Amino acid sequence: MTNNKNLGEPKPVDAATVILMRDNSQVGIEIFFMQRHHKQAFMGGMYVFPGGKLDKEDSVLDLDDHIKGFTFHEAKSLLNEPELDDEVAVGLFVAAIRETFEESGALMALRSSGEKIDFSIPEVQICYNEYRKKIHNGEMTMKDLAEKEGICFTIDLLTPYAHLITPEGAPKRYNTRFLLAQVPEGQRTIHDSVEMTDSLWTTASGALEKHYAGEIVLSPPTLMIVEEMSNYSTVDQLLFCISPDNIHTVLLQHYAKDGESALLYPHDPDYTIPEFKIQSCPEGKSSRVVLKDGIWRTMCVEDSDVSK
């Protein structure tokens, strides 16, 4: 549960991000990354997952005929946020599907008959490319799309994974839910070439290698999540280990000392926000992301390190 009094100003904006995955029998889990346009004020030039802020049109409760997978009330349980309004909870899942469609071209949906939407068929691809542009431009809502094409959004394909809040003092602050999803059969990913300028599929270890070599730049939260995902070899193995009970709200904290700039996670010994503090550090898990030589790097700092 979050407490706005302790989150500073401006108030974090609700947002959703989707970590698109696919199994590769030779290299393991591959993850989809997109590069934000370098002129964008927030994370310009960085490689991120598809996602964005919750729009008013996402939080509508009359989409029940076009949602497959769970009830509105269950959305709060899956996010492990029982205090959320139903509209916001289900809206976050809709926003995740919408933003993923806008930015990557992949649409988590089926026809009402249960048939897949096959983008390998040229006329289908052309049609949905137009819908994608209209939704991005605000000329069409997800509800409009669902009613026009007779489709259901497969929200059950989304598995909540993490919940992060931008640190106090940042010029733009987001209250972001990270969700895992496999690319639906018949879909393909193509970055939008408007907000995004490049994209790639690579393994978690491959993304880390490129990041530390300076070939790509991962944002600190993305870096931490990719490091965690590098411990899994298949999508099923990763999903098996996920539970709503393990998803907790994480308010990141800025840290600066002796010229070091870092973002602290609640289990770091230098973290000082009581409402979010976690006393024990999970074994082997990084506790902060530090900017060194122009590159964000993960570190595991224990109490014994601080006392030295």
Protein backbone atom coordinates (compact mmCIF):
# COMPACT_ATOMS: atom_id res chain seq x y z
CA MET A 1 0.00 0.00 0.00
CA THR A 2 1.28 3.45 -0.83
CA ASN A 3 1.05 6.59 1.29
CA ASN A 4 1.04 9.78 -0.79
CA LYS A 5 2.21 11.86 2.17
CA ASN A 6 5.51 10.00 2.03
CA LEU A 7 5.91 10.03 -1.75
CA GLY A 8 6.59 13.73 -2.19
CA GLU A 9 5.46 15.89 -5.09
CA PRO A 10 4.58 15.65 -7.87
CA LYS A 11 2.26 12.74 -7.22
CA PRO A 12 3.40 9.65 -9.16
CA VAL A 13 1.31 8.92 -12.25
CA ASP A 14 -0.16 5.41 -12.55
CA ALA A 15 1.51 3.47 -15.37
CA ALA A 16 1.95 -0.05 -16.73
CA THR A 17 4.86 -1.70 -18.52
CA VAL A 18 4.95 -5.07 -20.28
CA ILE A 19 7.99 -7.32 -20.42
CA LEU A 20 7.39 -9.23 -23.65
CA MET A 21 9.06 -12.65 -23.69
CA ARG A 22 9.48 -15.68 -25.88
CA ASP A 23 11.26 -19.01 -25.48
CA ASN A 24 14.24 -19.78 -27.69
CA SER A 25 15.25 -23.43 -27.45
CA GLN A 26 18.91 -22.58 -28.09
CA VAL A 27 19.49 -19.52 -25.89
CA GLY A 28 16.61 -19.47 -23.40
CA ILE A 29 14.23 -16.59 -22.67
CA GLU A 30 14.39 -13.68 -25.09
CA ILE A 31 13.08 -10.24 -24.08
CA PHE A 32 11.82 -7.43 -26.28
CA PHE A 33 13.45 -4.01 -25.82
CA MET A 34 12.77 -0.71 -27.55
CA GLN A 35 14.90 2.44 -27.65
CA ARG A 36 13.13 5.64 -26.66
CA HIS A 37 13.67 8.65 -28.92
CA HIS A 38 16.67 10.59 -27.65
CA LYS A 39 14.65 13.83 -27.61
CA GLN A 40 12.14 12.45 -25.09
CA ALA A 41 12.46 14.11 -21.69
CA PHE A 42 11.93 10.86 -19.76
CA MET A 43 14.58 8.18 -20.35
CA GLY A 44 15.49 9.56 -23.78
CA GLY A 45 17.74 7.18 -25.72
CA MET A 46 17.38 4.33 -23.22
CA TYR A 47 16.22 0.81 -24.03
CA VAL A 48 13.00 0.01 -22.18
CA PHE A 49 9.97 -2.27 -22.21
CA PRO A 50 6.72 -1.19 -23.93
CA GLY A 51 4.49 0.80 -21.59
CA GLY A 52 3.12 4.15 -20.51
CA LYS A 53 0.74 6.00 -18.24
CA LEU A 54 -2.82 5.04 -17.41
CA ASP A 55 -5.33 7.01 -19.52
CA LYS A 56 -8.87 7.84 -18.47
CA GLU A 57 -10.26 5.73 -21.32
CA ASP A 58 -8.45 2.65 -19.95
CA SER A 59 -10.41 2.69 -16.70
CA VAL A 60 -13.87 1.79 -17.93
CA LEU A 61 -15.95 -0.95 -16.35
CA ASP A 62 -18.17 -1.54 -19.41
CA LEU A 63 -15.46 -3.59 -21.14
CA ASP A 64 -16.55 -6.79 -19.40
CA ASP A 65 -17.83 -8.31 -22.65
CA HIS A 66 -14.39 -7.78 -24.19
CA ILE A 67 -12.10 -9.00 -21.42
CA LYS A 68 -10.99 -12.62 -21.09
CA GLY A 69 -9.20 -14.11 -18.13
CA PHE A 70 -10.48 -12.73 -14.83
CA THR A 71 -13.00 -10.50 -13.13
CA PHE A 72 -12.42 -6.85 -12.33
CA HIS A 73 -12.18 -7.63 -8.63
CA GLU A 74 -9.47 -10.23 -9.28
CA ALA A 75 -7.29 -7.56 -10.92
CA LYS A 76 -6.55 -6.04 -7.51
CA SER A 77 -5.56 -9.41 -6.08
CA LEU A 78 -3.21 -10.17 -8.95
CA LEU A 79 -1.52 -6.79 -8.48
CA ASN A 80 -1.45 -7.34 -4.69
CA GLU A 81 -3.03 -3.90 -4.26
CA PRO A 82 -6.35 -4.47 -2.48
CA GLU A 83 -6.77 -0.73 -1.84
CA LEU A 84 -7.06 0.11 -5.56
CA ASP A 85 -10.38 1.10 -7.09
CA ASP A 86 -11.74 -1.51 -9.50
CA GLU A 87 -11.52 1.00 -12.35
CA VAL A 88 -7.84 1.69 -11.74
CA ALA A 89 -6.92 -1.96 -11.23
CA VAL A 90 -8.47 -3.23 -14.46
CA GLY A 91 -7.41 -0.02 -16.23
CA LEU A 92 -3.77 -0.83 -15.56
CA PHE A 93 -4.14 -4.12 -17.44
CA VAL A 94 -5.96 -2.39 -20.31
CA ALA A 95 -3.28 0.32 -20.39
CA ALA A 96 -0.60 -2.38 -20.55
CA ILE A 97 -2.28 -3.98 -23.58
CA ARG A 98 -2.91 -0.62 -25.25
CA GLU A 99 0.62 0.70 -24.79
CA THR A 100 2.12 -2.59 -25.95
CA PHE A 101 -0.03 -2.46 -29.09
CA GLU A 102 0.81 1.19 -29.76
CA GLU A 103 4.55 0.84 -29.24
CA SER A 104 5.37 -2.72 -30.31
CA GLY A 105 2.48 -3.71 -32.59
CA ALA A 106 1.70 -6.87 -30.58
CA LEU A 107 -1.94 -7.12 -29.48
CA MET A 108 -2.95 -9.41 -26.63
CA ALA A 109 -6.40 -10.32 -27.92
CA LEU A 110 -8.46 -13.05 -29.55
CA ARG A 111 -11.54 -12.96 -31.70
CA SER A 112 -14.72 -13.56 -29.71
CA SER A 113 -14.88 -17.01 -31.31
CA GLY A 114 -11.53 -17.84 -29.69
CA GLU A 115 -9.59 -17.65 -32.96
CA LYS A 116 -6.22 -15.92 -32.96
CA ILE A 117 -5.70 -12.61 -34.77
CA ASP A 118 -3.13 -13.61 -37.38
CA PHE A 119 -0.94 -10.69 -38.44
CA SER A 120 0.84 -12.89 -41.00
CA ILE A 121 -2.22 -12.31 -43.20
CA PRO A 122 -1.38 -9.06 -45.07
CA GLU A 123 -4.88 -7.55 -45.01
CA VAL A 124 -5.17 -8.22 -41.26
CA GLN A 125 -1.80 -6.61 -40.63
CA ILE A 126 -2.73 -3.54 -42.71
CA CYS A 127 -6.07 -3.17 -40.94
CA TYR A 128 -4.61 -3.38 -37.44
CA ASN A 129 -1.74 -1.05 -38.36
CA GLU A 130 -4.40 1.59 -39.04
CA TYR A 131 -6.08 0.86 -35.71
CA ARG A 132 -2.71 1.17 -34.02
CA LYS A 133 -2.17 4.64 -35.48
CA LYS A 134 -5.67 5.78 -34.56
CA ILE A 135 -5.34 4.60 -30.97
CA HIS A 136 -1.94 6.29 -30.69
CA ASN A 137 -3.41 9.54 -32.03
CA GLY A 138 -6.43 9.39 -29.73
CA GLU A 139 -8.86 8.85 -32.60
CA MET A 140 -9.97 5.45 -31.30
CA THR A 141 -10.18 3.77 -27.89
CA MET A 142 -9.55 0.16 -27.00
CA LYS A 143 -13.28 -0.23 -26.45
CA ASP A 144 -13.90 1.09 -29.98
CA LEU A 145 -11.46 -1.47 -31.35
CA ALA A 146 -13.01 -4.32 -29.37
CA GLU A 147 -16.54 -3.48 -30.55
CA LYS A 148 -15.56 -2.88 -34.16
CA GLU A 149 -13.61 -6.12 -34.59
CA GLY A 150 -15.48 -8.30 -32.08
CA ILE A 151 -12.40 -9.19 -30.07
CA CYS A 152 -11.58 -9.95 -26.43
CA PHE A 153 -8.47 -8.68 -24.72
CA THR A 154 -6.58 -11.62 -23.20
CA ILE A 155 -5.70 -10.01 -19.90
CA ASP A 156 -4.94 -13.46 -18.51
CA LEU A 157 -1.74 -13.43 -20.59
CA LEU A 158 -0.39 -10.69 -18.30
CA THR A 159 1.37 -11.73 -15.08
CA PRO A 160 2.24 -8.94 -12.60
CA TYR A 161 5.94 -9.05 -11.74
CA ALA A 162 7.02 -5.86 -9.96
CA HIS A 163 5.74 -2.50 -8.70
CA LEU A 164 8.15 0.45 -8.70
CA ILE A 165 7.71 4.15 -7.88
CA THR A 166 10.04 6.86 -9.18
CA PRO A 167 12.08 8.46 -6.36
CA GLU A 168 11.05 11.67 -4.61
CA GLY A 169 12.48 14.77 -6.21
CA ALA A 170 12.42 13.46 -9.78
CA PRO A 171 10.90 15.91 -12.31
CA LYS A 172 8.58 13.18 -13.62
CA ARG A 173 7.32 10.45 -11.32
CA TYR A 174 5.54 7.21 -12.21
CA ASN A 175 3.81 4.53 -10.16
CA THR A 176 4.59 1.65 -12.51
CA ARG A 177 3.40 -1.95 -12.55
CA PHE A 178 5.64 -4.31 -14.52
CA LEU A 179 3.84 -7.25 -16.11
CA LEU A 180 5.19 -10.32 -17.90
CA ALA A 181 3.65 -11.59 -21.14
CA GLN A 182 4.48 -13.95 -23.94
CA VAL A 183 3.92 -12.65 -27.45
CA PRO A 184 0.61 -14.14 -28.66
CA GLU A 185 0.70 -16.67 -31.48
CA GLY A 186 0.35 -14.96 -34.84
CA GLN A 187 1.68 -11.63 -33.55
CA ARG A 188 4.91 -9.86 -34.34
CA THR A 189 6.75 -6.91 -32.83
CA ILE A 190 7.64 -3.75 -34.75
CA HIS A 191 8.56 -0.56 -32.86
CA ASP A 192 6.41 2.45 -33.73
CA SER A 193 9.22 4.69 -35.15
CA VAL A 194 7.60 7.69 -33.42
CA GLU A 195 8.31 7.41 -29.72
CA MET A 196 10.72 4.51 -30.37
CA THR A 197 13.67 4.52 -32.77
CA ASP A 198 14.97 0.95 -32.50
CA SER A 199 14.09 -2.44 -31.04
CA LEU A 200 15.69 -5.81 -30.46
CA TRP A 201 15.05 -9.26 -29.08
CA THR A 202 17.82 -10.59 -26.87
CA THR A 203 18.35 -12.68 -23.77
CA ALA A 204 18.72 -11.10 -20.34
CA SER A 205 22.43 -11.94 -20.32
CA GLY A 206 22.77 -10.55 -23.84
CA ALA A 207 21.11 -7.28 -22.81
CA LEU A 208 23.42 -7.00 -19.78
CA GLU A 209 26.49 -7.59 -21.97
CA LYS A 210 25.39 -4.90 -24.42
CA HIS A 211 24.62 -2.48 -21.58
CA TYR A 212 27.98 -2.87 -19.85
CA ALA A 213 29.79 -2.67 -23.19
CA GLY A 214 28.09 0.67 -23.86
CA GLU A 215 26.20 -0.63 -26.92
CA ILE A 216 22.80 0.08 -25.35
CA VAL A 217 21.66 1.96 -22.23
CA LEU A 218 19.23 0.29 -19.84
CA SER A 219 17.37 2.43 -17.33
CA PRO A 220 18.14 1.53 -13.68
CA PRO A 221 14.81 -0.29 -13.03
CA THR A 222 15.11 -2.12 -16.36
CA LEU A 223 18.67 -3.10 -15.51
CA MET A 224 17.64 -4.54 -12.14
CA ILE A 225 14.74 -6.52 -13.63
CA VAL A 226 16.88 -7.88 -16.48
CA GLU A 227 19.49 -9.00 -13.95
CA GLU A 228 16.79 -10.88 -12.00
CA MET A 229 15.43 -12.49 -15.18
CA SER A 230 18.89 -13.77 -16.12
CA ASN A 231 18.44 -16.42 -13.41
CA TYR A 232 15.71 -18.22 -15.38
CA SER A 233 16.12 -20.42 -18.44
CA THR A 234 12.52 -20.79 -19.67
CA VAL A 235 9.34 -18.73 -19.57
CA ASP A 236 7.49 -21.50 -17.71
CA GLN A 237 10.19 -21.61 -15.05
CA LEU A 238 9.96 -17.85 -14.54
CA LEU A 239 6.16 -17.79 -14.40
CA PHE A 240 6.10 -20.72 -11.97
CA CYS A 241 8.11 -18.67 -9.48
CA ILE A 242 5.83 -15.61 -9.62
CA SER A 243 3.21 -15.03 -6.93
CA PRO A 244 1.11 -11.93 -6.16
CA ASP A 245 2.14 -12.30 -2.50
CA ASN A 246 5.73 -11.56 -3.52
CA ILE A 247 4.88 -8.29 -5.28
CA HIS A 248 5.45 -5.31 -3.02
CA THR A 249 5.41 -1.59 -3.68
CA VAL A 250 9.00 -0.38 -4.05
CA LEU A 251 9.69 3.33 -3.66
CA LEU A 252 13.20 3.93 -5.03
CA GLN A 253 15.39 6.39 -3.14
CA HIS A 254 18.05 8.73 -4.48
CA TYR A 255 21.43 8.41 -2.76
CA ALA A 256 24.53 10.53 -3.10
CA LYS A 257 27.73 10.18 -1.07
CA ASP A 258 31.40 10.81 -1.81
CA GLY A 259 30.55 11.65 -5.40
CA GLU A 260 28.57 8.44 -5.89
CA SER A 261 25.07 8.68 -7.38
CA ALA A 262 22.78 5.74 -6.84
CA LEU A 263 19.20 4.51 -6.63
CA LEU A 264 18.52 2.43 -3.57
CA TYR A 265 16.05 -0.43 -3.18
CA PRO A 266 14.28 -0.93 0.19
CA HIS A 267 16.58 -3.80 1.24
CA ASP A 268 19.72 -1.65 0.89
CA PRO A 269 21.23 -0.82 4.32
CA ASP A 270 21.40 2.90 3.44
CA TYR A 271 17.69 3.07 2.54
CA THR A 272 15.92 5.36 5.03
CA ILE A 273 12.19 5.56 4.16
CA PRO A 274 10.53 3.70 7.07
CA GLU A 275 7.23 2.87 5.35
CA PHE A 276 9.00 0.93 2.58
CA LYS A 277 12.15 -0.31 4.33
CA ILE A 278 12.93 -4.06 4.14
CA GLN A 279 15.40 -5.22 6.77
CA SER A 280 16.81 -8.32 5.14
CA CYS A 281 18.49 -8.44 1.75
CA PRO A 282 17.59 -11.48 -0.37
CA GLU A 283 20.72 -13.56 -0.85
CA GLY A 284 22.67 -12.54 -3.94
CA LYS A 285 20.20 -9.84 -4.96
CA SER A 286 21.50 -6.41 -5.88
CA SER A 287 20.38 -3.67 -3.52
CA ARG A 288 21.23 -0.54 -5.52
CA VAL A 289 22.02 0.75 -8.99
CA VAL A 290 25.10 3.01 -9.12
CA LEU A 291 26.25 5.39 -11.85
CA LYS A 292 29.95 4.70 -12.51
CA ASP A 293 31.94 5.89 -15.50
CA GLY A 294 28.72 6.96 -17.17
CA ILE A 295 27.13 3.50 -16.91
CA TRP A 296 24.49 2.33 -14.43
CA ARG A 297 25.73 -0.75 -12.57
CA THR A 298 24.02 -3.01 -10.03
CA MET A 299 25.58 -3.62 -6.63
CA CYS A 300 24.76 -5.73 -3.59
CA VAL A 301 25.56 -3.77 -0.43
CA GLU A 302 25.21 -5.49 2.94
CA ASP A 303 25.24 -4.03 6.45
CA SER A 304 28.82 -5.18 6.92
CA ASP A 305 29.87 -3.14 3.86
CA VAL A 306 28.34 0.01 5.31
CA SER A 307 30.01 -0.40 8.69
CA LYS A 308 33.51 -0.62 7.22
